[in-house]
C-alpha atoms as a PDB file:
ATOM      1  CA  MET A   1     112.961  98.449 117.372  1.00  0.00           C
ATOM      2  CA  ALA A   2     110.926 101.568 116.379  1.00  0.00           C
ATOM      3  CA  PHE A   3     112.211 103.890 113.650  1.00  0.00           C
ATOM      4  CA  TYR A   4     110.997 107.511 113.495  1.00  0.00           C
ATOM      5  CA  PRO A   5     111.166 109.595 110.368  1.00  0.00           C
ATOM      6  CA  GLN A   6     113.658 112.385 110.169  1.00  0.00           C
ATOM      7  CA  GLU A   7     112.696 115.668 108.445  1.00  0.00           C
ATOM      8  CA  PRO A   8     114.690 116.519 105.288  1.00  0.00           C
ATOM      9  CA  PHE A   9     117.202 119.213 105.031  1.00  0.00           C
ATOM     10  CA  TYR A  10     116.180 121.788 102.422  1.00  0.00           C
ATOM     11  CA  ASN A  11     118.619 123.927 100.510  1.00  0.00           C
ATOM     12  CA  PRO A  12     121.556 123.601 102.968  1.00  0.00           C
ATOM     13  CA  VAL A  13     124.483 125.972 102.757  1.00  0.00           C
ATOM     14  CA  ILE A  14     127.591 124.272 101.404  1.00  0.00           C
ATOM     15  CA  PRO A  15     129.816 123.076 103.168  1.00  0.00           C
ATOM     16  CA  PHE A  16     127.133 121.317 105.186  1.00  0.00           C
ATOM     17  CA  ASN A  17     127.176 119.002 108.309  1.00  0.00           C
ATOM     18  CA  GLY A  18     123.957 117.368 109.391  1.00  0.00           C
ATOM     19  CA  SER A  19     122.974 114.934 112.075  1.00  0.00           C
ATOM     20  CA  ILE A  20     121.603 111.555 111.101  1.00  0.00           C
ATOM     21  CA  HIS A  21     118.932 110.785 113.853  1.00  0.00           C
ATOM     22  CA  GLY A  22     119.316 107.363 115.253  1.00  0.00           C
ATOM     23  CA  ARG A  23     122.538 106.737 113.303  1.00  0.00           C
ATOM     24  CA  LEU A  24     122.513 104.402 110.319  1.00  0.00           C
ATOM     25  CA  GLN A  25     120.651 101.078 110.430  1.00  0.00           C
ATOM     26  CA  GLU A  26     120.515  98.309 107.875  1.00  0.00           C
ATOM     27  CA  GLY A  27     117.955  99.172 105.195  1.00  0.00           C
ATOM     28  CA  LYS A  28     117.999 102.984 105.926  1.00  0.00           C
ATOM     29  CA  SER A  29     118.324 105.240 102.812  1.00  0.00           C
ATOM     30  CA  ILE A  30     119.583 108.748 102.282  1.00  0.00           C
ATOM     31  CA  ILE A  31     118.406 110.524  99.052  1.00  0.00           C
ATOM     32  CA  ILE A  32     120.282 113.629  97.945  1.00  0.00           C
ATOM     33  CA  SER A  33     118.957 115.971  95.225  1.00  0.00           C
ATOM     34  CA  GLY A  34     121.279 118.614  93.842  1.00  0.00           C
ATOM     35  CA  ARG A  35     123.181 120.065  90.958  1.00  0.00           C
ATOM     36  CA  VAL A  36     126.863 120.062  89.966  1.00  0.00           C
ATOM     37  CA  PHE A  37     128.232 123.600  89.199  1.00  0.00           C
ATOM     38  CA  PRO A  38     129.259 124.175  85.584  1.00  0.00           C
ATOM     39  CA  GLY A  39     133.009 123.923  85.479  1.00  0.00           C
ATOM     40  CA  ALA A  40     133.123 122.023  88.755  1.00  0.00           C
ATOM     41  CA  ASN A  41     136.394 120.066  89.642  1.00  0.00           C
ATOM     42  CA  ARG A  42     134.963 117.879  92.364  1.00  0.00           C
ATOM     43  CA  PHE A  43     132.505 117.550  95.263  1.00  0.00           C
ATOM     44  CA  HIS A  44     131.964 114.863  97.875  1.00  0.00           C
ATOM     45  CA  VAL A  45     129.373 113.367 100.187  1.00  0.00           C
ATOM     46  CA  ASN A  46     130.712 111.873 103.396  1.00  0.00           C
ATOM     47  CA  LEU A  47     128.960 109.561 105.822  1.00  0.00           C
ATOM     48  CA  GLN A  48     130.934 110.320 108.979  1.00  0.00           C
ATOM     49  CA  CYS A  49     131.441 109.018 112.581  1.00  0.00           C
ATOM     50  CA  GLY A  50     130.942 112.503 114.129  1.00  0.00           C
ATOM     51  CA  SER A  51     131.220 116.071 112.820  1.00  0.00           C
ATOM     52  CA  ALA A  52     134.552 117.063 114.281  1.00  0.00           C
ATOM     53  CA  ALA A  53     137.533 117.797 112.015  1.00  0.00           C
ATOM     54  CA  GLY A  54     139.372 114.508 111.406  1.00  0.00           C
ATOM     55  CA  ALA A  55     136.365 112.367 112.176  1.00  0.00           C
ATOM     56  CA  ASP A  56     136.247 108.816 110.616  1.00  0.00           C
ATOM     57  CA  VAL A  57     134.520 108.569 107.343  1.00  0.00           C
ATOM     58  CA  ALA A  58     132.678 105.347 106.575  1.00  0.00           C
ATOM     59  CA  LEU A  59     131.862 106.367 103.070  1.00  0.00           C
ATOM     60  CA  HIS A  60     133.546 109.056 100.879  1.00  0.00           C
ATOM     61  CA  PHE A  61     131.600 109.494  97.625  1.00  0.00           C
ATOM     62  CA  ASN A  62     133.656 111.851  95.577  1.00  0.00           C
ATOM     63  CA  PRO A  63     132.881 112.721  91.842  1.00  0.00           C
ATOM     64  CA  ARG A  64     135.937 114.247  90.212  1.00  0.00           C
ATOM     65  CA  TYR A  65     136.391 116.116  86.874  1.00  0.00           C
ATOM     66  CA  ASP A  66     140.029 116.451  86.403  1.00  0.00           C
ATOM     67  CA  ALA A  67     139.887 114.053  83.387  1.00  0.00           C
ATOM     68  CA  SER A  68     137.190 113.756  80.771  1.00  0.00           C
ATOM     69  CA  PRO A  69     134.440 112.672  81.174  1.00  0.00           C
ATOM     70  CA  GLY A  70     134.950 112.472  84.932  1.00  0.00           C
ATOM     71  CA  TYR A  71     134.822 109.564  87.382  1.00  0.00           C
ATOM     72  CA  VAL A  72     133.905 108.767  91.013  1.00  0.00           C
ATOM     73  CA  VAL A  73     136.325 107.929  93.934  1.00  0.00           C
ATOM     74  CA  THR A  74     135.021 106.093  96.896  1.00  0.00           C
ATOM     75  CA  ASN A  75     137.057 105.523  99.986  1.00  0.00           C
ATOM     76  CA  THR A  76     137.159 105.465 103.816  1.00  0.00           C
ATOM     77  CA  PHE A  77     139.065 107.705 106.306  1.00  0.00           C
ATOM     78  CA  GLN A  78     140.033 106.008 109.553  1.00  0.00           C
ATOM     79  CA  ASN A  79     142.571 106.795 112.272  1.00  0.00           C
ATOM     80  CA  SER A  80     143.672 109.858 110.388  1.00  0.00           C
ATOM     81  CA  ARG A  81     144.455 107.873 107.265  1.00  0.00           C
ATOM     82  CA  TRP A  82     142.712 107.337 103.956  1.00  0.00           C
ATOM     83  CA  GLY A  83     142.187 103.741 102.885  1.00  0.00           C
ATOM     84  CA  GLN A  84     142.460 102.212  99.402  1.00  0.00           C
ATOM     85  CA  GLU A  85     140.671 104.219  96.652  1.00  0.00           C
ATOM     86  CA  GLU A  86     138.067 102.554  94.486  1.00  0.00           C
ATOM     87  CA  ARG A  87     137.285 104.343  91.209  1.00  0.00           C
ATOM     88  CA  LYS A  88     134.479 103.987  88.761  1.00  0.00           C
ATOM     89  CA  HIS A  89     134.253 105.563  85.271  1.00  0.00           C
ATOM     90  CA  PRO A  90     132.468 107.552  84.060  1.00  0.00           C
ATOM     91  CA  THR A  91     130.786 109.800  86.545  1.00  0.00           C
ATOM     92  CA  PRO A  92     126.973 109.612  86.390  1.00  0.00           C
ATOM     93  CA  PHE A  93     126.782 113.359  87.178  1.00  0.00           C
ATOM     94  CA  PRO A  94     128.173 115.524  84.361  1.00  0.00           C
ATOM     95  CA  GLN A  95     129.264 119.138  85.149  1.00  0.00           C
ATOM     96  CA  GLY A  96     126.346 121.460  85.305  1.00  0.00           C
ATOM     97  CA  SER A  97     123.801 118.599  85.646  1.00  0.00           C
ATOM     98  CA  CYS A  98     121.065 117.968  88.211  1.00  0.00           C
ATOM     99  CA  PHE A  99     121.268 114.663  90.024  1.00  0.00           C
ATOM    100  CA  ASN A 100     119.574 112.333  92.460  1.00  0.00           C
ATOM    101  CA  LEU A 101     121.865 110.245  94.655  1.00  0.00           C
ATOM    102  CA  MET A 102     120.481 107.426  96.963  1.00  0.00           C
ATOM    103  CA  ILE A 103     122.675 105.615  99.472  1.00  0.00           C
ATOM    104  CA  GLN A 104     121.103 102.518 101.047  1.00  0.00           C
ATOM    105  CA  VAL A 105     122.629 100.719 103.944  1.00  0.00           C
ATOM    106  CA  GLY A 106     123.097  97.052 103.323  1.00  0.00           C
ATOM    107  CA  ARG A 107     124.357  94.411 105.657  1.00  0.00           C
ATOM    108  CA  ASP A 108     127.653  94.138 103.918  1.00  0.00           C
ATOM    109  CA  SER A 109     127.875  97.286 101.754  1.00  0.00           C
ATOM    110  CA  PHE A 110     126.442 100.636 100.869  1.00  0.00           C
ATOM    111  CA  LYS A 111     124.284 100.318  97.753  1.00  0.00           C
ATOM    112  CA  ILE A 112     124.485 103.404  95.701  1.00  0.00           C
ATOM    113  CA  ALA A 113     121.938 104.458  92.992  1.00  0.00           C
ATOM    114  CA  THR A 114     122.232 107.498  90.765  1.00  0.00           C
ATOM    115  CA  ASN A 115     119.254 109.074  88.956  1.00  0.00           C
ATOM    116  CA  GLY A 116     117.160 106.011  89.717  1.00  0.00           C
ATOM    117  CA  SER A 117     119.610 103.396  88.468  1.00  0.00           C
ATOM    118  CA  HIS A 118     122.123 101.217  90.400  1.00  0.00           C
ATOM    119  CA  PHE A 119     125.525 102.550  90.173  1.00  0.00           C
ATOM    120  CA  MET A 120     127.807 100.592  92.556  1.00  0.00           C
ATOM    121  CA  GLU A 121     128.215  98.974  95.967  1.00  0.00           C
ATOM    122  CA  PHE A 122     130.925  99.902  98.433  1.00  0.00           C
ATOM    123  CA  ARG A 123     131.747  97.294 101.094  1.00  0.00           C
ATOM    124  CA  HIS A 124     131.768  98.384 104.701  1.00  0.00           C
ATOM    125  CA  ARG A 125     135.277  98.941 106.107  1.00  0.00           C
ATOM    126  CA  ILE A 126     133.776 100.878 109.203  1.00  0.00           C
ATOM    127  CA  HIS A 127     130.548  99.563 110.806  1.00  0.00           C
ATOM    128  CA  PHE A 128     127.664 101.665 109.562  1.00  0.00           C
ATOM    129  CA  ALA A 129     126.200 101.907 113.116  1.00  0.00           C
ATOM    130  CA  ALA A 130     128.952 104.319 113.996  1.00  0.00           C
ATOM    131  CA  VAL A 131     127.748 106.871 111.393  1.00  0.00           C
ATOM    132  CA  ASP A 132     125.834 109.828 112.741  1.00  0.00           C
ATOM    133  CA  THR A 133     126.708 112.727 110.385  1.00  0.00           C
ATOM    134  CA  ILE A 134     126.399 113.528 106.732  1.00  0.00           C
ATOM    135  CA  ARG A 135     128.801 116.089 105.131  1.00  0.00           C
ATOM    136  CA  VAL A 136     128.576 117.624 101.689  1.00  0.00           C
ATOM    137  CA  ASP A 137     131.229 119.932 100.371  1.00  0.00           C
ATOM    138  CA  GLY A 138     132.680 121.072  97.047  1.00  0.00           C
ATOM    139  CA  MET A 139     131.313 122.591  93.886  1.00  0.00           C
ATOM    140  CA  VAL A 140     127.721 121.548  94.176  1.00  0.00           C
ATOM    141  CA  GLU A 141     124.396 122.903  95.485  1.00  0.00           C
ATOM    142  CA  ILE A 142     121.836 120.830  97.194  1.00  0.00           C
ATOM    143  CA  SER A 143     118.076 121.159  97.095  1.00  0.00           C
ATOM    144  CA  SER A 144     117.268 118.432  99.665  1.00  0.00           C
ATOM    145  CA  ILE A 145     118.746 115.666 101.732  1.00  0.00           C
ATOM    146  CA  ALA A 146     115.942 113.150 102.795  1.00  0.00           C
ATOM    147  CA  PHE A 147     115.873 110.011 104.841  1.00  0.00           C
ATOM    148  CA  GLN A 148     113.902 106.772 104.601  1.00  0.00           C
ATOM    149  CA  SER A 149     113.622 104.371 107.488  1.00  0.00           C
ATOM    150  CA  PRO A 150     114.568 100.700 106.988  1.00  0.00           C
ATOM    151  CA  GLN A 151     112.101  99.002 104.555  1.00  0.00           C
ATOM    152  CA  PRO A 152     112.222  96.522 101.665  1.00  0.00           C
ATOM    153  CA  CYS A 153     114.084  97.859  98.723  1.00  0.00           C
ATOM    154  CA  THR A 154     112.070  98.342  95.601  1.00  0.00           C
ATOM    155  CA  PRO A 155     113.427  99.297  92.151  1.00  0.00           C
ATOM    156  CA  GLN A 156     113.285 102.970  91.485  1.00  0.00           C
ATOM    157  CA  PRO A 157     112.265 104.207  87.965  1.00  0.00           C
ATOM    158  CA  ALA A 158     115.066 105.929  86.044  1.00  0.00           C
ATOM    159  CA  TYR A 159     113.982 109.553  85.170  1.00  0.00           C
ATOM    160  CA  PRO A 160     115.835 112.802  84.699  1.00  0.00           C
ATOM    161  CA  PRO A 161     116.307 114.590  88.024  1.00  0.00           C
ATOM    162  CA  GLN A 162     114.539 117.875  88.455  1.00  0.00           C
ATOM    163  CA  CYS A 163     116.406 121.028  89.464  1.00  0.00           C
ATOM    164  CA  ALA A 164     114.740 123.200  92.075  1.00  0.00           C
ATOM    165  CA  PHE A 165     116.892 125.918  93.285  1.00  0.00           C
ATOM    166  CA  PRO A 166     116.632 129.597  94.175  1.00  0.00           C
ATOM    167  CA  PRO A 167     119.075 131.979  92.519  1.00  0.00           C
ATOM    168  CA  HIS A 168     122.494 131.210  93.933  1.00  0.00           C
ATOM    169  CA  ARG A 169     125.989 132.632  94.056  1.00  0.00           C
ATOM    170  CA  TYR A 170     129.064 130.589  93.551  1.00  0.00           C
ATOM    171  CA  PRO A 171     131.055 130.483  96.758  1.00  0.00           C
ATOM    172  CA  PRO A 172     134.141 132.849  96.434  1.00  0.00           C
ATOM    173  CA  GLN A 173     136.389 129.881  97.271  1.00  0.00           C
ATOM    174  CA  TYR A 174     135.271 128.048  94.164  1.00  0.00           C
ATOM    175  CA  ALA A 175     136.586 129.690  90.842  1.00  0.00           C
ATOM    176  CA  VAL A 176     134.413 128.629  87.950  1.00  0.00           C
ATOM    177  CA  PRO A 177     135.976 129.189  84.582  1.00  0.00           C
ATOM    178  CA  GLY A 178     134.210 132.007  82.750  1.00  0.00           C
ATOM    179  CA  VAL A 179     131.997 132.878  85.745  1.00  0.00           C
ATOM    180  CA  PRO A 180     133.277 135.592  88.170  1.00  0.00           C
ATOM    181  CA  ALA A 181     133.234 134.688  91.873  1.00  0.00           C
ATOM    182  CA  GLY A 182     129.935 135.834  93.416  1.00  0.00           C
ATOM    183  CA  TYR A 183     128.138 136.149  90.082  1.00  0.00           C
ATOM    184  CA  PRO A 184     124.454 135.501  90.509  1.00  0.00           C
ATOM    185  CA  VAL A 185     123.149 132.605  88.325  1.00  0.00           C
ATOM    186  CA  PRO A 186     119.330 132.336  88.065  1.00  0.00           C
ATOM    187  CA  SER A 187     117.865 128.854  88.322  1.00  0.00           C
ATOM    188  CA  PRO A 188     115.578 127.729  85.419  1.00  0.00           C
ATOM    189  CA  TYR A 189     113.262 126.208  88.085  1.00  0.00           C
ATOM    190  CA  PRO A 190     111.318 127.823  90.987  1.00  0.00           C
ATOM    191  CA  PRO A 191     112.159 126.866  94.598  1.00  0.00           C
ATOM    192  CA  PRO A 192     110.525 123.695  95.833  1.00  0.00           C
ATOM    193  CA  VAL A 193     107.012 123.994  97.107  1.00  0.00           C
ATOM    194  CA  VAL A 194     105.805 121.993 100.033  1.00  0.00           C
ATOM    195  CA  TYR A 195     101.978 121.221  99.867  1.00  0.00           C
ATOM    196  CA  THR A 196      99.698 120.258 102.657  1.00  0.00           C
ATOM    197  CA  VAL A 197      98.326 116.727 102.502  1.00  0.00           C
ATOM    198  CA  PRO A 198      95.645 115.855 101.587  1.00  0.00           C
ATOM    199  CA  TYR A 199      96.072 117.929  98.431  1.00  0.00           C
ATOM    200  CA  LYS A 200      93.638 118.643  95.631  1.00  0.00           C
ATOM    201  CA  SER A 201      94.146 120.803  92.516  1.00  0.00           C
ATOM    202  CA  VAL A 202      92.588 121.312  89.144  1.00  0.00           C
ATOM    203  CA  ILE A 203      94.516 119.897  86.074  1.00  0.00           C
ATOM    204  CA  ASN A 204      94.415 122.815  83.620  1.00  0.00           C
ATOM    205  CA  GLY A 205      93.620 121.536  80.158  1.00  0.00           C
ATOM    206  CA  GLY A 206      92.852 117.987  81.463  1.00  0.00           C
ATOM    207  CA  PHE A 207      94.740 114.887  80.311  1.00  0.00           C
ATOM    208  CA  TYR A 208      95.798 114.145  76.831  1.00  0.00           C
ATOM    209  CA  PRO A 209      98.282 111.750  75.212  1.00  0.00           C
ATOM    210  CA  GLY A 210     101.908 112.523  76.097  1.00  0.00           C
ATOM    211  CA  ARG A 211     101.055 114.610  79.062  1.00  0.00           C
ATOM    212  CA  THR A 212     103.167 113.673  82.271  1.00  0.00           C
ATOM    213  CA  ILE A 213     102.617 114.450  85.965  1.00  0.00           C
ATOM    214  CA  THR A 214     105.640 114.003  88.142  1.00  0.00           C
ATOM    215  CA  ILE A 215     105.135 113.832  91.934  1.00  0.00           C
ATOM    216  CA  GLN A 216     108.234 114.156  94.236  1.00  0.00           C
ATOM    217  CA  GLY A 217     108.143 113.684  97.963  1.00  0.00           C
ATOM    218  CA  VAL A 218     109.270 111.750 101.042  1.00  0.00           C
ATOM    219  CA  ILE A 219     107.162 108.934 102.460  1.00  0.00           C
ATOM    220  CA  ASN A 220     106.582 109.047 106.195  1.00  0.00           C
ATOM    221  CA  GLY A 221     108.365 106.291 107.924  1.00  0.00           C
ATOM    222  CA  ALA A 222     105.280 105.232 109.831  1.00  0.00           C
ATOM    223  CA  ALA A 223     102.920 105.301 106.715  1.00  0.00           C
ATOM    224  CA  LYS A 224     100.838 102.381 105.802  1.00  0.00           C
ATOM    225  CA  ARG A 225      99.726 103.454 102.371  1.00  0.00           C
ATOM    226  CA  LEU A 226      99.409 106.564 100.098  1.00  0.00           C
ATOM    227  CA  ASP A 227      96.957 107.319  97.263  1.00  0.00           C
ATOM    228  CA  THR A 228      97.167 109.388  94.147  1.00  0.00           C
ATOM    229  CA  ASN A 229      93.767 109.734  92.375  1.00  0.00           C
ATOM    230  CA  LYS A 230      92.709 111.461  89.043  1.00  0.00           C
ATOM    231  CA  SER A 231      88.998 112.090  88.649  1.00  0.00           C
ATOM    232  CA  GLY A 232      86.759 113.654  86.095  1.00  0.00           C
ATOM    233  CA  ILE A 233      83.902 116.146  86.664  1.00  0.00           C
ATOM    234  CA  VAL A 234      80.970 114.680  88.570  1.00  0.00           C
END
């Protein structure tokens, strides 16, 4: 079976519904980068069987902050009823923090990693092949939702997630303590920049001990290799 890469969603407006091209397959991954609002009470990511109201939800990933230091609820929604909740403490995403969330489809369960580290597994109650929609809602902003076609799973390095958001306004339906509704909050980082590949640039000041270069991107599903080179003056 051939798998074709799906373009990421960038800076979607929340609440957000997006189609998953080709539905879910074993080994496929979804990578979500975002930031939890300061003072947030909860948000959720749903992997759904359709976008209509009341659609079945194969995975409901729901960080909550009604008790310190917060926790994560996972569940399913089927035939208009919620299933048995599974809870894990503490949440890996503190209020006001940036995060990376990766959900990989396994044969028997969803494998969930947060900020580059394994967090939990959620056994399938609804077959993943029925999932064709991702929904994000709640007190959160998202910079990107990316997709990786089925491939062997390799450990991901743990690193602090990077925020990359334009100035935003808190949606009026979400009241943040100490922050008036609609109050603009500048982001400490510029909007994400997409570069043309192959890409070449000068490293101002050169390399020196302790300097770090971070490269973020999405690998083309049909790729055979990629190269990152550093060279001196010739």
